[in-house]
Amino acid sequence: MKEEMIIAGFGGQGVMLMGKLLAYAGMKEGIEVSWMPSYGPEMRGGTANCTVIMSSNKIPSPLSSKPDTIIVMNLPSLEKFAPRVKPGGTIFVNSSLIEKEVDRDDVEVIKVPANELANELGNSKVANMVMLGAYLSKKDVVDLNTVKDSLKSVLSRRHHKLIPINEKALDTGVRLN
């Protein structure tokens, strides 16, 4: 098994948290993982992305020029990373913020109204967890329960009160597929 992915969006959309959760859950399940963040000029509002690689074998490089999957939370991220996805790969699109159609017919496109569903849950900040849940239901890389168990380790202590809403958001995303 090997999954190379890029998660991208504006700073503050939780793209780094998604990547950290996947990497941490992968470590808990005993697979090889790599997590590499990349920030734009500003932390909040600027662009941010991370590359996550999960594999049964050693990972020779933390970079991915042709990812299997991208999760994009905003239009600039879609435009930047969609051309790089391998043929046969998957693009998860936050359809709440991205109306543009993906201009490729050699990839699977999964539209997730992440912001709308997060708002229905009562917290717009959990759109990232809705997207992560949708990803987990489609890709068999790590178990949902391992990701939920990882929240306590990955979230800072001051955010532990938000674990229940994050778990609900993950479940909401899983139910989409």
N, C-alpha and C. Protein backbone atom coordinates (compact mmCIF):
# COMPACT_ATOMS: atom_id res chain seq x y z
N MET A 1 0.84 -1.18 0.00
CA MET A 1 0.00 0.00 0.00
C MET A 1 0.88 1.23 0.00
N LYS A 2 0.51 2.20 -0.85
CA LYS A 2 1.17 3.50 -0.83
C LYS A 2 0.17 4.54 -1.28
N GLU A 3 0.05 5.59 -0.50
CA GLU A 3 -0.84 6.70 -0.81
C GLU A 3 -0.06 8.00 -0.65
N GLU A 4 0.05 8.73 -1.75
CA GLU A 4 0.67 10.05 -1.73
C GLU A 4 -0.42 11.07 -1.91
N MET A 5 -0.46 12.07 -1.02
CA MET A 5 -1.53 13.06 -1.13
C MET A 5 -1.06 14.45 -0.77
N ILE A 6 -1.77 15.43 -1.28
CA ILE A 6 -1.56 16.82 -0.93
C ILE A 6 -2.89 17.36 -0.43
N ILE A 7 -2.84 18.03 0.71
CA ILE A 7 -4.01 18.67 1.30
C ILE A 7 -3.72 20.17 1.26
N ALA A 8 -4.63 20.96 0.69
CA ALA A 8 -4.33 22.38 0.48
C ALA A 8 -5.55 23.26 0.70
N GLY A 9 -5.27 24.49 1.11
CA GLY A 9 -6.32 25.48 1.32
C GLY A 9 -5.74 26.76 1.85
N PHE A 10 -6.60 27.65 2.33
CA PHE A 10 -6.15 28.87 2.97
C PHE A 10 -5.65 28.54 4.37
N GLY A 11 -4.71 29.34 4.87
CA GLY A 11 -4.31 29.21 6.26
C GLY A 11 -5.54 29.40 7.14
N GLY A 12 -5.67 28.60 8.16
CA GLY A 12 -6.83 28.69 9.05
C GLY A 12 -7.94 27.72 8.71
N GLN A 13 -7.83 27.01 7.57
CA GLN A 13 -8.86 26.03 7.20
C GLN A 13 -8.58 24.64 7.76
N GLY A 14 -7.48 24.49 8.46
CA GLY A 14 -7.19 23.21 9.11
C GLY A 14 -6.55 22.16 8.22
N VAL A 15 -5.89 22.58 7.15
CA VAL A 15 -5.26 21.60 6.26
C VAL A 15 -4.09 20.89 6.95
N MET A 16 -3.35 21.64 7.77
CA MET A 16 -2.22 21.01 8.47
C MET A 16 -2.72 19.98 9.48
N LEU A 17 -3.81 20.31 10.16
CA LEU A 17 -4.38 19.38 11.12
C LEU A 17 -4.82 18.08 10.44
N MET A 18 -5.44 18.18 9.27
CA MET A 18 -5.84 16.98 8.54
C MET A 18 -4.62 16.10 8.27
N GLY A 19 -3.55 16.72 7.78
CA GLY A 19 -2.34 15.97 7.47
C GLY A 19 -1.71 15.35 8.71
N LYS A 20 -1.64 16.11 9.79
CA LYS A 20 -1.08 15.58 11.04
C LYS A 20 -1.89 14.40 11.56
N LEU A 21 -3.21 14.52 11.49
CA LEU A 21 -4.07 13.42 11.96
C LEU A 21 -3.83 12.16 11.15
N LEU A 22 -3.75 12.30 9.84
CA LEU A 22 -3.50 11.13 8.99
C LEU A 22 -2.15 10.51 9.32
N ALA A 23 -1.13 11.35 9.45
CA ALA A 23 0.22 10.84 9.74
C ALA A 23 0.26 10.17 11.11
N TYR A 24 -0.33 10.79 12.11
CA TYR A 24 -0.33 10.24 13.45
C TYR A 24 -1.08 8.91 13.50
N ALA A 25 -2.25 8.88 12.85
CA ALA A 25 -3.04 7.64 12.81
C ALA A 25 -2.26 6.54 12.09
N GLY A 26 -1.58 6.90 11.01
CA GLY A 26 -0.75 5.93 10.30
C GLY A 26 0.34 5.35 11.18
N MET A 27 0.99 6.22 11.96
CA MET A 27 2.02 5.74 12.88
C MET A 27 1.42 4.79 13.91
N LYS A 28 0.24 5.15 14.43
CA LYS A 28 -0.42 4.28 15.42
C LYS A 28 -0.74 2.91 14.83
N GLU A 29 -1.02 2.88 13.53
CA GLU A 29 -1.36 1.62 12.88
C GLU A 29 -0.12 0.90 12.34
N GLY A 30 1.05 1.47 12.56
CA GLY A 30 2.29 0.80 12.21
C GLY A 30 2.73 0.90 10.76
N ILE A 31 2.20 1.89 10.03
CA ILE A 31 2.65 2.07 8.65
C ILE A 31 3.66 3.21 8.60
N GLU A 32 4.44 3.24 7.54
CA GLU A 32 5.42 4.31 7.33
C GLU A 32 4.67 5.57 6.92
N VAL A 33 5.04 6.71 7.50
CA VAL A 33 4.37 7.97 7.17
C VAL A 33 5.38 9.09 6.99
N SER A 34 4.97 10.07 6.21
CA SER A 34 5.72 11.30 6.05
C SER A 34 4.71 12.43 6.00
N TRP A 35 4.99 13.52 6.72
CA TRP A 35 4.14 14.71 6.72
C TRP A 35 5.04 15.91 6.52
N MET A 36 4.80 16.67 5.46
CA MET A 36 5.63 17.82 5.18
C MET A 36 4.75 19.05 4.93
N PRO A 37 4.80 20.03 5.86
CA PRO A 37 3.99 21.24 5.67
C PRO A 37 4.65 22.25 4.75
N SER A 38 3.83 23.10 4.15
CA SER A 38 4.32 24.20 3.33
C SER A 38 3.35 25.37 3.51
N TYR A 39 3.88 26.49 3.98
CA TYR A 39 3.05 27.67 4.26
C TYR A 39 3.30 28.74 3.23
N GLY A 40 2.25 29.52 2.97
CA GLY A 40 2.39 30.70 2.14
C GLY A 40 2.94 31.84 2.98
N PRO A 41 2.88 33.07 2.48
CA PRO A 41 3.48 34.20 3.20
C PRO A 41 2.80 34.53 4.52
N GLU A 42 1.53 34.22 4.67
CA GLU A 42 0.84 34.48 5.93
C GLU A 42 0.32 33.17 6.48
N MET A 43 0.23 33.09 7.80
CA MET A 43 -0.31 31.89 8.43
C MET A 43 -1.82 31.80 8.24
N ARG A 44 -2.54 32.90 8.46
CA ARG A 44 -4.00 32.88 8.31
C ARG A 44 -4.37 33.68 7.08
N GLY A 45 -5.10 33.08 6.20
CA GLY A 45 -5.52 33.76 4.99
C GLY A 45 -4.61 33.49 3.80
N GLY A 46 -3.34 33.20 4.05
CA GLY A 46 -2.44 32.82 2.97
C GLY A 46 -2.67 31.37 2.61
N THR A 47 -2.00 30.89 1.59
CA THR A 47 -2.17 29.49 1.21
C THR A 47 -1.30 28.59 2.07
N ALA A 48 -1.79 27.42 2.29
CA ALA A 48 -1.05 26.41 3.06
C ALA A 48 -1.34 25.05 2.45
N ASN A 49 -0.36 24.18 2.49
CA ASN A 49 -0.59 22.81 2.05
C ASN A 49 0.38 21.89 2.76
N CYS A 50 0.05 20.63 2.76
CA CYS A 50 0.98 19.65 3.30
C CYS A 50 0.91 18.41 2.42
N THR A 51 2.04 17.74 2.37
CA THR A 51 2.14 16.48 1.65
C THR A 51 2.18 15.37 2.68
N VAL A 52 1.33 14.38 2.49
CA VAL A 52 1.30 13.22 3.37
C VAL A 52 1.52 11.99 2.51
N ILE A 53 2.46 11.16 2.94
CA ILE A 53 2.69 9.89 2.26
C ILE A 53 2.56 8.78 3.29
N MET A 54 1.77 7.77 2.97
CA MET A 54 1.59 6.60 3.83
C MET A 54 1.91 5.37 3.00
N SER A 55 2.72 4.48 3.59
CA SER A 55 3.19 3.35 2.80
C SER A 55 3.49 2.14 3.68
N SER A 56 3.37 0.98 3.09
CA SER A 56 3.78 -0.26 3.75
C SER A 56 5.30 -0.38 3.79
N ASN A 57 5.98 0.33 2.88
CA ASN A 57 7.43 0.28 2.76
C ASN A 57 8.05 1.61 3.17
N LYS A 58 9.36 1.63 3.27
CA LYS A 58 10.07 2.86 3.59
C LYS A 58 9.75 3.92 2.54
N ILE A 59 9.71 5.17 2.96
CA ILE A 59 9.40 6.29 2.09
C ILE A 59 10.72 7.00 1.75
N PRO A 60 11.13 6.95 0.48
CA PRO A 60 12.43 7.52 0.13
C PRO A 60 12.48 9.05 0.13
N SER A 61 11.34 9.70 -0.08
CA SER A 61 11.31 11.17 -0.13
C SER A 61 9.96 11.66 0.38
N PRO A 62 9.95 12.77 1.13
CA PRO A 62 8.67 13.31 1.61
C PRO A 62 7.94 14.14 0.57
N LEU A 63 8.49 14.26 -0.62
CA LEU A 63 7.87 15.04 -1.69
C LEU A 63 7.03 14.16 -2.59
N SER A 64 6.04 14.76 -3.23
CA SER A 64 5.21 14.03 -4.18
C SER A 64 4.94 14.92 -5.38
N SER A 65 5.54 14.57 -6.52
CA SER A 65 5.30 15.36 -7.72
C SER A 65 4.02 14.91 -8.43
N LYS A 66 3.62 13.67 -8.21
CA LYS A 66 2.40 13.12 -8.82
C LYS A 66 1.58 12.41 -7.74
N PRO A 67 0.84 13.17 -6.92
CA PRO A 67 0.08 12.53 -5.85
C PRO A 67 -1.06 11.67 -6.37
N ASP A 68 -1.43 10.68 -5.56
CA ASP A 68 -2.60 9.84 -5.86
C ASP A 68 -3.88 10.62 -5.61
N THR A 69 -3.82 11.50 -4.60
CA THR A 69 -5.01 12.19 -4.12
C THR A 69 -4.66 13.62 -3.75
N ILE A 70 -5.62 14.53 -3.99
CA ILE A 70 -5.53 15.86 -3.39
C ILE A 70 -6.86 16.15 -2.71
N ILE A 71 -6.77 16.88 -1.61
CA ILE A 71 -7.95 17.43 -0.94
C ILE A 71 -7.76 18.94 -1.03
N VAL A 72 -8.67 19.61 -1.72
CA VAL A 72 -8.55 21.06 -1.89
C VAL A 72 -9.73 21.77 -1.24
N MET A 73 -9.38 22.74 -0.42
CA MET A 73 -10.40 23.47 0.33
C MET A 73 -10.76 24.80 -0.31
N ASN A 74 -9.98 25.26 -1.32
CA ASN A 74 -10.26 26.53 -1.97
C ASN A 74 -9.85 26.48 -3.45
N LEU A 75 -10.31 27.46 -4.21
CA LEU A 75 -10.06 27.49 -5.65
C LEU A 75 -8.57 27.61 -6.02
N PRO A 76 -7.80 28.49 -5.38
CA PRO A 76 -6.38 28.55 -5.75
C PRO A 76 -5.66 27.21 -5.59
N SER A 77 -6.05 26.44 -4.58
CA SER A 77 -5.44 25.13 -4.37
C SER A 77 -5.83 24.14 -5.46
N LEU A 78 -7.09 24.19 -5.89
CA LEU A 78 -7.53 23.33 -6.98
C LEU A 78 -6.73 23.65 -8.24
N GLU A 79 -6.63 24.94 -8.56
CA GLU A 79 -5.93 25.33 -9.78
C GLU A 79 -4.45 24.95 -9.74
N LYS A 80 -3.84 25.02 -8.57
CA LYS A 80 -2.42 24.71 -8.45
C LYS A 80 -2.14 23.22 -8.49
N PHE A 81 -2.95 22.41 -7.79
CA PHE A 81 -2.60 21.00 -7.60
C PHE A 81 -3.34 20.01 -8.50
N ALA A 82 -4.49 20.35 -9.04
CA ALA A 82 -5.25 19.40 -9.87
C ALA A 82 -4.44 18.86 -11.05
N PRO A 83 -3.64 19.68 -11.73
CA PRO A 83 -2.87 19.13 -12.86
C PRO A 83 -1.83 18.08 -12.45
N ARG A 84 -1.45 18.07 -11.18
CA ARG A 84 -0.40 17.16 -10.73
C ARG A 84 -0.89 15.77 -10.35
N VAL A 85 -2.20 15.60 -10.16
CA VAL A 85 -2.72 14.30 -9.72
C VAL A 85 -2.49 13.24 -10.79
N LYS A 86 -2.06 12.05 -10.34
CA LYS A 86 -1.83 10.94 -11.26
C LYS A 86 -3.12 10.59 -12.01
N PRO A 87 -3.02 10.19 -13.26
CA PRO A 87 -4.20 9.64 -13.93
C PRO A 87 -4.74 8.47 -13.09
N GLY A 88 -6.04 8.44 -12.92
CA GLY A 88 -6.65 7.42 -12.08
C GLY A 88 -6.73 7.83 -10.62
N GLY A 89 -6.20 9.01 -10.30
CA GLY A 89 -6.21 9.50 -8.93
C GLY A 89 -7.55 10.10 -8.54
N THR A 90 -7.56 10.74 -7.37
CA THR A 90 -8.80 11.27 -6.81
C THR A 90 -8.60 12.71 -6.36
N ILE A 91 -9.59 13.55 -6.65
CA ILE A 91 -9.58 14.94 -6.21
C ILE A 91 -10.83 15.17 -5.35
N PHE A 92 -10.60 15.51 -4.09
CA PHE A 92 -11.69 15.87 -3.18
C PHE A 92 -11.80 17.39 -3.19
N VAL A 93 -12.98 17.89 -3.57
CA VAL A 93 -13.20 19.32 -3.75
C VAL A 93 -14.19 19.82 -2.71
N ASN A 94 -13.83 20.89 -2.01
CA ASN A 94 -14.76 21.55 -1.10
C ASN A 94 -15.75 22.34 -1.95
N SER A 95 -16.86 21.72 -2.28
CA SER A 95 -17.83 22.34 -3.20
C SER A 95 -18.56 23.52 -2.58
N SER A 96 -18.42 23.74 -1.29
CA SER A 96 -18.99 24.93 -0.66
C SER A 96 -18.28 26.19 -1.13
N LEU A 97 -16.99 26.08 -1.41
CA LEU A 97 -16.21 27.25 -1.80
C LEU A 97 -15.69 27.20 -3.23
N ILE A 98 -15.80 26.06 -3.88
CA ILE A 98 -15.27 25.90 -5.23
C ILE A 98 -16.41 25.51 -6.17
N GLU A 99 -16.74 26.44 -7.06
CA GLU A 99 -17.80 26.16 -8.04
C GLU A 99 -17.24 25.66 -9.36
N LYS A 100 -15.98 25.94 -9.60
CA LYS A 100 -15.34 25.56 -10.87
C LYS A 100 -15.28 24.03 -10.99
N GLU A 101 -15.55 23.56 -12.19
CA GLU A 101 -15.45 22.13 -12.47
C GLU A 101 -13.99 21.74 -12.69
N VAL A 102 -13.67 20.53 -12.30
CA VAL A 102 -12.32 20.01 -12.53
C VAL A 102 -12.21 19.67 -14.01
N ASP A 103 -11.17 20.20 -14.63
CA ASP A 103 -10.99 20.07 -16.07
C ASP A 103 -10.15 18.84 -16.42
N ARG A 104 -10.54 17.70 -15.87
CA ARG A 104 -9.83 16.44 -16.18
C ARG A 104 -10.85 15.31 -16.21
N ASP A 105 -10.65 14.39 -17.16
CA ASP A 105 -11.55 13.24 -17.22
C ASP A 105 -10.84 11.94 -16.86
N ASP A 106 -9.59 12.06 -16.40
CA ASP A 106 -8.83 10.86 -16.06
C ASP A 106 -8.66 10.68 -14.55
N VAL A 107 -9.44 11.44 -13.76
CA VAL A 107 -9.41 11.33 -12.30
C VAL A 107 -10.84 11.26 -11.78
N GLU A 108 -10.99 10.74 -10.57
CA GLU A 108 -12.29 10.75 -9.91
C GLU A 108 -12.40 12.04 -9.10
N VAL A 109 -13.52 12.74 -9.26
CA VAL A 109 -13.74 13.98 -8.52
C VAL A 109 -14.87 13.74 -7.51
N ILE A 110 -14.58 14.04 -6.26
CA ILE A 110 -15.57 13.88 -5.20
C ILE A 110 -15.84 15.26 -4.61
N LYS A 111 -17.06 15.72 -4.79
CA LYS A 111 -17.45 17.04 -4.28
C LYS A 111 -18.06 16.88 -2.89
N VAL A 112 -17.53 17.66 -1.96
CA VAL A 112 -17.98 17.60 -0.58
C VAL A 112 -18.36 19.02 -0.15
N PRO A 113 -19.63 19.26 0.20
CA PRO A 113 -20.03 20.58 0.67
C PRO A 113 -19.61 20.78 2.14
N ALA A 114 -18.31 20.82 2.35
CA ALA A 114 -17.74 20.77 3.70
C ALA A 114 -18.18 21.93 4.59
N ASN A 115 -18.14 23.15 4.06
CA ASN A 115 -18.53 24.30 4.88
C ASN A 115 -20.01 24.27 5.24
N GLU A 116 -20.84 23.91 4.28
CA GLU A 116 -22.29 23.83 4.55
C GLU A 116 -22.58 22.80 5.64
N LEU A 117 -21.96 21.64 5.53
CA LEU A 117 -22.19 20.59 6.53
C LEU A 117 -21.63 20.98 7.89
N ALA A 118 -20.49 21.65 7.91
CA ALA A 118 -19.92 22.12 9.18
C ALA A 118 -20.86 23.13 9.83
N ASN A 119 -21.42 24.03 9.02
CA ASN A 119 -22.37 25.01 9.56
C ASN A 119 -23.60 24.34 10.14
N GLU A 120 -24.07 23.28 9.47
CA GLU A 120 -25.22 22.52 9.98
C GLU A 120 -24.91 21.88 11.33
N LEU A 121 -23.64 21.54 11.53
CA LEU A 121 -23.22 20.96 12.81
C LEU A 121 -23.04 22.03 13.88
N GLY A 122 -23.06 23.30 13.47
CA GLY A 122 -22.96 24.39 14.43
C GLY A 122 -21.57 24.96 14.62
N ASN A 123 -20.59 24.54 13.81
CA ASN A 123 -19.23 25.07 13.94
C ASN A 123 -18.56 25.06 12.57
N SER A 124 -18.41 26.23 11.99
CA SER A 124 -17.85 26.33 10.64
C SER A 124 -16.39 25.86 10.57
N LYS A 125 -15.71 25.83 11.70
CA LYS A 125 -14.29 25.45 11.71
C LYS A 125 -14.05 23.96 11.50
N VAL A 126 -15.09 23.13 11.52
CA VAL A 126 -14.89 21.68 11.36
C VAL A 126 -15.10 21.22 9.92
N ALA A 127 -15.10 22.15 8.97
CA ALA A 127 -15.21 21.76 7.56
C ALA A 127 -14.07 20.83 7.17
N ASN A 128 -12.89 21.04 7.76
CA ASN A 128 -11.75 20.17 7.48
C ASN A 128 -12.02 18.73 7.91
N MET A 129 -12.71 18.56 9.03
CA MET A 129 -12.99 17.20 9.51
C MET A 129 -14.07 16.52 8.66
N VAL A 130 -14.99 17.31 8.12
CA VAL A 130 -15.98 16.76 7.18
C VAL A 130 -15.24 16.22 5.96
N MET A 131 -14.30 17.02 5.43
CA MET A 131 -13.51 16.58 4.27
C MET A 131 -12.69 15.34 4.59
N LEU A 132 -12.07 15.33 5.77
CA LEU A 132 -11.26 14.18 6.15
C LEU A 132 -12.12 12.93 6.28
N GLY A 133 -13.32 13.07 6.83
CA GLY A 133 -14.23 11.93 6.93
C GLY A 133 -14.60 11.38 5.56
N ALA A 134 -14.87 12.30 4.61
CA ALA A 134 -15.19 11.87 3.24
C ALA A 134 -14.01 11.12 2.63
N TYR A 135 -12.81 11.62 2.86
CA TYR A 135 -11.61 10.96 2.37
C TYR A 135 -11.47 9.55 2.97
N LEU A 136 -11.64 9.46 4.28
CA LEU A 136 -11.47 8.16 4.96
C LEU A 136 -12.49 7.13 4.50
N SER A 137 -13.68 7.58 4.13
CA SER A 137 -14.69 6.62 3.68
C SER A 137 -14.39 6.09 2.29
N LYS A 138 -13.62 6.85 1.51
CA LYS A 138 -13.33 6.47 0.13
C LYS A 138 -11.99 5.74 0.00
N LYS A 139 -11.03 6.11 0.82
CA LYS A 139 -9.68 5.56 0.73
C LYS A 139 -9.40 4.70 1.95
N ASP A 140 -8.94 3.50 1.72
CA ASP A 140 -8.68 2.56 2.80
C ASP A 140 -7.22 2.65 3.24
N VAL A 141 -6.89 3.74 3.94
CA VAL A 141 -5.50 3.92 4.38
C VAL A 141 -5.35 3.77 5.88
N VAL A 142 -6.21 4.43 6.64
CA VAL A 142 -6.23 4.28 8.10
C VAL A 142 -7.68 4.20 8.55
N ASP A 143 -7.88 3.62 9.72
CA ASP A 143 -9.22 3.42 10.26
C ASP A 143 -9.75 4.72 10.88
N LEU A 144 -11.04 4.97 10.69
CA LEU A 144 -11.70 6.15 11.25
C LEU A 144 -11.49 6.23 12.76
N ASN A 145 -11.62 5.12 13.45
CA ASN A 145 -11.47 5.13 14.91
C ASN A 145 -10.06 5.49 15.34
N THR A 146 -9.07 5.11 14.55
CA THR A 146 -7.69 5.48 14.86
C THR A 146 -7.52 6.99 14.72
N VAL A 147 -8.15 7.57 13.71
CA VAL A 147 -8.10 9.03 13.53
C VAL A 147 -8.78 9.71 14.71
N LYS A 148 -9.94 9.21 15.10
CA LYS A 148 -10.64 9.80 16.26
C LYS A 148 -9.79 9.70 17.52
N ASP A 149 -9.17 8.54 17.74
CA ASP A 149 -8.30 8.36 18.90
C ASP A 149 -7.09 9.30 18.85
N SER A 150 -6.68 9.68 17.65
CA SER A 150 -5.51 10.54 17.49
C SER A 150 -5.81 12.01 17.79
N LEU A 151 -7.08 12.40 17.78
CA LEU A 151 -7.43 13.80 18.03
C LEU A 151 -6.84 14.31 19.34
N LYS A 152 -6.92 13.51 20.39
CA LYS A 152 -6.44 13.93 21.70
C LYS A 152 -4.93 14.20 21.68
N SER A 153 -4.20 13.45 20.90
CA SER A 153 -2.74 13.62 20.82
C SER A 153 -2.34 14.75 19.89
N VAL A 154 -3.11 14.98 18.84
CA VAL A 154 -2.72 15.96 17.83
C VAL A 154 -3.24 17.37 18.16
N LEU A 155 -4.45 17.45 18.70
CA LEU A 155 -4.99 18.76 19.08
C LEU A 155 -4.31 19.24 20.36
N SER A 156 -4.07 20.54 20.43
CA SER A 156 -3.51 21.08 21.66
C SER A 156 -4.54 20.93 22.79
N ARG A 157 -4.05 20.87 24.02
CA ARG A 157 -4.90 20.63 25.18
C ARG A 157 -6.07 21.62 25.26
N ARG A 158 -5.81 22.87 24.88
CA ARG A 158 -6.88 23.88 24.97
C ARG A 158 -8.01 23.63 23.97
N HIS A 159 -7.77 22.78 22.98
CA HIS A 159 -8.83 22.45 22.01
C HIS A 159 -9.50 21.11 22.27
N HIS A 160 -9.17 20.46 23.36
CA HIS A 160 -9.77 19.15 23.64
C HIS A 160 -11.28 19.22 23.81
N LYS A 161 -11.80 20.36 24.21
CA LYS A 161 -13.25 20.51 24.34
C LYS A 161 -13.95 20.42 22.98
N LEU A 162 -13.18 20.57 21.90
CA LEU A 162 -13.74 20.50 20.55
C LEU A 162 -13.69 19.10 19.95
N ILE A 163 -13.15 18.15 20.70
CA ILE A 163 -13.05 16.78 20.17
C ILE A 163 -14.41 16.21 19.80
N PRO A 164 -15.46 16.36 20.63
CA PRO A 164 -16.77 15.79 20.23
C PRO A 164 -17.30 16.34 18.90
N ILE A 165 -17.19 17.65 18.67
CA ILE A 165 -17.69 18.21 17.41
C ILE A 165 -16.81 17.76 16.24
N ASN A 166 -15.52 17.61 16.46
CA ASN A 166 -14.65 17.09 15.40
C ASN A 166 -15.02 15.65 15.05
N GLU A 167 -15.34 14.84 16.06
CA GLU A 167 -15.76 13.46 15.80
C GLU A 167 -17.07 13.42 15.03
N LYS A 168 -18.01 14.30 15.37
CA LYS A 168 -19.28 14.38 14.64
C LYS A 168 -19.04 14.78 13.18
N ALA A 169 -18.12 15.72 12.98
CA ALA A 169 -17.81 16.16 11.61
C ALA A 169 -17.18 15.04 10.80
N LEU A 170 -16.28 14.28 11.42
CA LEU A 170 -15.70 13.12 10.74
C LEU A 170 -16.79 12.14 10.32
N ASP A 171 -17.70 11.85 11.25
CA ASP A 171 -18.80 10.93 10.95
C ASP A 171 -19.69 11.46 9.83
N THR A 172 -19.93 12.76 9.81
CA THR A 172 -20.74 13.38 8.77
C THR A 172 -20.08 13.17 7.40
N GLY A 173 -18.78 13.39 7.33
CA GLY A 173 -18.06 13.19 6.07
C GLY A 173 -18.07 11.75 5.62
N VAL A 174 -17.93 10.83 6.56
CA VAL A 174 -17.95 9.39 6.23
C VAL A 174 -19.29 9.01 5.62
N ARG A 175 -20.37 9.55 6.15
CA ARG A 175 -21.72 9.19 5.66
C ARG A 175 -22.02 9.69 4.26
N LEU A 176 -21.21 10.59 3.73
CA LEU A 176 -21.46 11.12 2.38
C LEU A 176 -21.26 10.08 1.29
N ASN A 177 -20.36 9.13 1.49
CA ASN A 177 -20.04 8.16 0.44
C ASN A 177 -20.65 6.81 0.71
